[in-house]
Amino acid sequence: MAGHSKWAQIKHKKAQVDAKKGKIFTKLVKEISVAARLGGGDPEKNPRLRVAIEKAREVNMPMDNIKRAIMKGTGELAGVAYEEVTYEGYGPGGVALLIEAMTDNKNRTVSEIRHLLSKYGGSLGESGCVSWIFEKKGYILVDKKSVDEDTLLSIVLDAGVEDVKNDPKEDNYEIIVLPEQLKDVKEVLQRVGINISLAEITMLPKNYVSVEGEDAEKILKLMDALEDHDDIQNVYANFDIPDEAMIKAEA
């Protein structure tokens, strides 16, 4: 899980930078609109919408933008109808890739994704080729400076978490929960003053592929290129690469 922890934090930091450019707002508006369309405009009754709004607030999206996105989703305002599409494929070194997109033009999006994969030594696969490798989970990173392991375990095990991981080389504990438990566990931790570095619904790999050297550089460049694409909401991968490559990617 070490590779996942590092990459999750790098992505989180990059999202903060992208927010300053207004870049991430487009993706969040899409997610909020689709969530509102599928589950209604009340975040208390729509968990997906609630999570999307929380992400928007984390990057300081204005409330007016959030409200307009919800209203477009519920049909109160005119807006583009986005379709959710999931693509599966492989990156350099045989890394599995699960790509979640929202688009108003599937032909354009699949063509552009295929081009990016080919550019960095990857390929698009058939539906189902890698999705079995990933599981939907709630994922929380807790700063080790804010709590010792025994105290953390006593708090979260009562909350019904699936697993707590403590990699000696990492600055955070990793907590795995069922997606529907994320909100409750997060609130328990916040109530007792524990510092949460990251809390999100994600797709965790059941196994990892070790990648080094040129392939490691290529997969990180590919991940950046895919996540920079306006139609792509999330990219999940099962790579595990050396610390130095991760540090270089963070720079």
Protein backbone atom coordinates (compact mmCIF):
# COMPACT_ATOMS: atom_id res chain seq x y z
CA MET A 1 0.00 0.00 0.00
CA ALA A 2 3.02 2.29 0.31
CA GLY A 3 2.90 3.15 -3.37
CA HIS A 4 -0.78 4.01 -3.14
CA SER A 5 -0.25 6.20 -0.09
CA LYS A 6 2.49 8.27 -1.73
CA TRP A 7 0.60 8.70 -4.99
CA ALA A 8 -2.64 9.62 -3.17
CA GLN A 9 -0.82 12.40 -1.35
CA ILE A 10 0.91 13.65 -4.49
CA LYS A 11 -2.45 13.79 -6.28
CA HIS A 12 -4.00 15.64 -3.35
CA LYS A 13 -1.25 18.28 -3.39
CA LYS A 14 -1.49 18.67 -7.17
CA ALA A 15 -5.26 19.18 -6.83
CA GLN A 16 -4.61 22.11 -4.50
CA VAL A 17 -2.25 23.64 -7.08
CA ASP A 18 -4.69 23.00 -9.94
CA ALA A 19 -7.44 24.63 -7.91
CA LYS A 20 -5.51 27.89 -7.90
CA LYS A 21 -5.62 27.81 -11.69
CA GLY A 22 -9.32 27.00 -11.63
CA LYS A 23 -8.41 23.81 -13.47
CA ILE A 24 -10.02 21.35 -11.12
CA PHE A 25 -13.28 23.29 -10.98
CA THR A 26 -14.40 21.95 -14.37
CA LYS A 27 -14.10 18.35 -13.18
CA LEU A 28 -15.84 19.06 -9.90
CA VAL A 29 -18.71 20.85 -11.64
CA LYS A 30 -19.22 17.75 -13.81
CA GLU A 31 -19.18 15.44 -10.77
CA ILE A 32 -21.59 17.63 -8.79
CA SER A 33 -23.99 17.93 -11.74
CA VAL A 34 -24.02 14.19 -12.47
CA ALA A 35 -24.35 13.33 -8.77
CA ALA A 36 -27.32 15.71 -8.47
CA ARG A 37 -28.92 14.32 -11.64
CA LEU A 38 -28.65 10.72 -10.44
CA GLY A 39 -29.43 11.14 -6.74
CA GLY A 40 -31.16 14.49 -6.31
CA GLY A 41 -29.95 17.90 -5.17
CA ASP A 42 -30.05 17.33 -1.39
CA PRO A 43 -26.56 16.34 -0.12
CA GLU A 44 -28.04 14.94 3.10
CA LYS A 45 -29.93 12.36 1.06
CA ASN A 46 -27.30 11.95 -1.65
CA PRO A 47 -23.92 10.66 -0.35
CA ARG A 48 -22.20 11.02 -3.71
CA LEU A 49 -23.25 14.66 -3.96
CA ARG A 50 -22.16 15.30 -0.38
CA VAL A 51 -18.66 13.95 -1.10
CA ALA A 52 -18.43 16.01 -4.31
CA ILE A 53 -19.41 19.18 -2.44
CA GLU A 54 -16.82 18.44 0.28
CA LYS A 55 -14.13 18.12 -2.41
CA ALA A 56 -15.25 21.40 -3.95
CA ARG A 57 -15.05 23.16 -0.61
CA GLU A 58 -11.57 21.75 0.03
CA VAL A 59 -10.31 23.61 -3.05
CA ASN A 60 -12.32 26.75 -2.22
CA MET A 61 -14.82 26.55 -5.06
CA PRO A 62 -17.31 29.42 -4.63
CA MET A 63 -20.72 28.36 -3.29
CA ASP A 64 -22.41 29.99 -6.30
CA ASN A 65 -20.54 27.60 -8.60
CA ILE A 66 -21.59 24.63 -6.47
CA LYS A 67 -25.25 25.72 -6.43
CA ARG A 68 -25.30 26.26 -10.21
CA ALA A 69 -23.77 22.83 -10.78
CA ILE A 70 -26.45 21.23 -8.61
CA MET A 71 -29.21 23.12 -10.40
CA LYS A 72 -27.86 22.02 -13.79
CA GLY A 73 -27.90 18.45 -12.56
CA THR A 74 -31.47 18.64 -11.28
CA GLY A 75 -32.64 20.40 -14.44
CA GLU A 76 -33.41 23.74 -12.80
CA LEU A 77 -30.80 25.33 -15.07
CA ALA A 78 -29.88 24.39 -18.62
CA GLY A 79 -26.61 22.50 -18.93
CA VAL A 80 -24.62 19.91 -20.88
CA ALA A 81 -25.64 16.28 -20.28
CA TYR A 82 -22.51 14.34 -19.36
CA GLU A 83 -22.26 10.57 -19.65
CA GLU A 84 -20.17 8.46 -17.27
CA VAL A 85 -17.77 6.07 -19.01
CA THR A 86 -15.12 3.73 -17.60
CA TYR A 87 -12.13 2.68 -19.69
CA GLU A 88 -9.68 -0.10 -18.87
CA GLY A 89 -6.17 -0.66 -20.11
CA TYR A 90 -2.51 -1.15 -19.38
CA GLY A 91 0.44 1.13 -18.79
CA PRO A 92 4.20 0.55 -19.07
CA GLY A 93 5.40 -2.54 -17.23
CA GLY A 94 1.97 -4.18 -17.36
CA VAL A 95 0.40 -1.75 -14.86
CA ALA A 96 -3.41 -2.03 -14.75
CA LEU A 97 -5.32 1.21 -15.39
CA LEU A 98 -8.94 1.98 -14.56
CA ILE A 99 -10.05 5.33 -16.01
CA GLU A 100 -13.30 7.05 -15.03
CA ALA A 101 -14.49 9.78 -17.38
CA MET A 102 -17.44 12.12 -17.89
CA THR A 103 -18.01 13.27 -21.43
CA ASP A 104 -20.50 14.74 -23.85
CA ASN A 105 -18.71 13.04 -26.75
CA LYS A 106 -17.58 9.43 -26.18
CA ASN A 107 -15.91 9.10 -29.61
CA ARG A 108 -13.69 12.12 -28.96
CA THR A 109 -12.80 11.00 -25.44
CA VAL A 110 -11.88 7.41 -26.27
CA SER A 111 -9.76 8.58 -29.21
CA GLU A 112 -7.83 11.02 -27.01
CA ILE A 113 -7.35 8.45 -24.22
CA ARG A 114 -6.10 5.87 -26.72
CA HIS A 115 -3.60 8.45 -28.04
CA LEU A 116 -2.28 9.25 -24.54
CA LEU A 117 -1.88 5.58 -23.65
CA SER A 118 -0.02 4.87 -26.87
CA LYS A 119 2.24 7.91 -26.38
CA TYR A 120 3.49 6.64 -23.03
CA GLY A 121 3.76 2.93 -23.80
CA GLY A 122 0.30 1.83 -22.74
CA SER A 123 -2.76 0.42 -24.49
CA LEU A 124 -6.53 0.42 -24.19
CA GLY A 125 -8.08 -2.91 -23.22
CA GLU A 126 -11.49 -4.52 -23.36
CA SER A 127 -14.17 -3.96 -20.73
CA GLY A 128 -13.47 -6.19 -17.71
CA CYS A 129 -9.78 -6.76 -18.46
CA VAL A 130 -8.54 -5.06 -15.27
CA SER A 131 -11.61 -3.94 -13.28
CA TRP A 132 -11.49 -7.19 -11.26
CA ILE A 133 -8.15 -6.04 -9.78
CA PHE A 134 -9.75 -3.04 -8.02
CA GLU A 135 -12.15 -2.73 -5.07
CA LYS A 136 -14.15 0.35 -4.11
CA LYS A 137 -13.13 1.45 -0.60
CA GLY A 138 -13.10 4.41 1.74
CA TYR A 139 -9.48 5.47 2.24
CA ILE A 140 -8.17 7.67 5.05
CA LEU A 141 -4.63 8.88 5.77
CA VAL A 142 -3.93 9.99 9.35
CA ASP A 143 -0.85 11.99 10.31
CA LYS A 144 1.30 9.89 12.66
CA LYS A 145 2.30 13.00 14.60
CA SER A 146 -1.28 13.52 15.75
CA VAL A 147 -1.83 10.10 17.41
CA ASP A 148 0.02 6.93 18.40
CA GLU A 149 -0.93 3.62 16.81
CA ASP A 150 -2.52 2.03 19.89
CA THR A 151 -4.76 5.04 20.49
CA LEU A 152 -5.76 5.17 16.84
CA LEU A 153 -6.60 1.46 16.81
CA SER A 154 -8.75 1.76 19.93
CA ILE A 155 -10.73 4.56 18.28
CA VAL A 156 -11.21 3.24 14.76
CA LEU A 157 -11.72 -0.46 15.49
CA ASP A 158 -14.81 0.46 17.49
CA ALA A 159 -15.99 2.36 14.43
CA GLY A 160 -15.89 -0.83 12.36
CA VAL A 161 -12.99 -0.19 9.97
CA GLU A 162 -11.71 -3.00 7.75
CA ASP A 163 -7.97 -2.47 8.20
CA VAL A 164 -5.31 -0.13 9.58
CA LYS A 165 -1.82 -0.18 8.05
CA ASN A 166 1.34 1.26 9.56
CA ASP A 167 4.28 1.34 7.17
CA PRO A 168 7.38 2.47 9.18
CA LYS A 169 8.62 4.41 6.12
CA GLU A 170 5.39 6.44 5.80
CA ASP A 171 4.30 9.61 7.63
CA ASN A 172 0.65 8.51 7.73
CA TYR A 173 -1.39 5.57 8.93
CA GLU A 174 -3.66 4.10 6.25
CA ILE A 175 -7.24 3.26 7.23
CA ILE A 176 -9.46 1.17 4.95
CA VAL A 177 -13.23 1.27 5.40
CA LEU A 178 -16.34 0.39 3.42
CA PRO A 179 -17.35 3.36 1.23
CA GLU A 180 -20.54 3.93 3.23
CA GLN A 181 -18.52 4.11 6.47
CA LEU A 182 -16.15 6.85 5.33
CA LYS A 183 -18.22 9.77 6.58
CA ASP A 184 -18.81 8.25 10.04
CA VAL A 185 -15.19 7.22 10.60
CA LYS A 186 -13.95 10.62 9.41
CA GLU A 187 -16.29 12.35 11.87
CA VAL A 188 -15.12 10.11 14.75
CA LEU A 189 -11.49 11.02 14.05
CA GLN A 190 -12.22 14.72 13.73
CA ARG A 191 -14.23 14.72 16.96
CA VAL A 192 -11.20 13.59 18.97
CA GLY A 193 -8.85 16.03 17.22
CA ILE A 194 -6.93 13.61 15.01
CA ASN A 195 -5.36 15.21 11.93
CA ILE A 196 -6.68 13.66 8.69
CA SER A 197 -4.30 14.10 5.75
CA LEU A 198 -6.73 12.65 3.21
CA ALA A 199 -10.18 11.03 3.15
CA GLU A 200 -11.74 9.80 -0.08
CA ILE A 201 -13.65 7.08 -1.87
CA THR A 202 -11.21 5.32 -4.16
CA MET A 203 -10.53 2.09 -6.03
CA LEU A 204 -7.81 0.11 -4.26
CA PRO A 205 -5.84 -2.57 -6.13
CA LYS A 206 -5.89 -6.12 -4.75
CA ASN A 207 -2.33 -6.56 -6.02
CA TYR A 208 0.52 -4.33 -7.18
CA VAL A 209 3.02 -4.41 -10.03
CA SER A 210 6.58 -3.37 -9.22
CA VAL A 211 7.88 -0.88 -11.81
CA GLU A 212 11.36 0.68 -11.98
CA GLY A 213 13.60 2.77 -14.21
CA GLU A 214 12.22 4.05 -17.51
CA ASP A 215 8.86 2.30 -17.02
CA ALA A 216 8.42 4.05 -13.66
CA GLU A 217 9.03 7.44 -15.25
CA LYS A 218 6.66 6.63 -18.10
CA ILE A 219 3.80 5.49 -15.88
CA LEU A 220 3.99 8.64 -13.77
CA LYS A 221 4.03 10.83 -16.90
CA LEU A 222 1.07 8.85 -18.23
CA MET A 223 -0.86 9.27 -14.97
CA ASP A 224 -0.22 13.03 -15.08
CA ALA A 225 -1.34 13.26 -18.70
CA LEU A 226 -4.52 11.27 -18.09
CA GLU A 227 -5.48 13.18 -14.94
CA ASP A 228 -4.84 16.45 -16.76
CA HIS A 229 -7.44 15.55 -19.40
CA ASP A 230 -10.65 17.55 -18.94
CA ASP A 231 -12.95 14.54 -19.46
CA ILE A 232 -11.14 12.24 -17.01
CA GLN A 233 -12.35 12.34 -13.42
CA ASN A 234 -10.22 9.61 -11.84
CA VAL A 235 -7.39 7.29 -12.80
CA TYR A 236 -6.59 4.22 -10.69
CA ALA A 237 -3.48 2.10 -11.14
CA ASN A 238 -1.72 -0.77 -9.37
CA PHE A 239 1.89 0.37 -9.72
CA ASP A 240 4.47 0.25 -6.93
CA ILE A 241 7.56 2.28 -7.75
CA PRO A 242 10.72 3.31 -5.84
CA ASP A 243 10.59 6.25 -3.43
CA GLU A 244 13.02 8.31 -5.47
CA ALA A 245 10.73 8.19 -8.51
CA MET A 246 7.80 9.31 -6.36
CA ILE A 247 9.82 12.18 -4.91
CA LYS A 248 10.82 13.24 -8.41
CA ALA A 249 7.15 13.19 -9.48
CA GLU A 250 6.21 15.39 -6.53
CA ALA A 251 8.82 18.04 -7.40
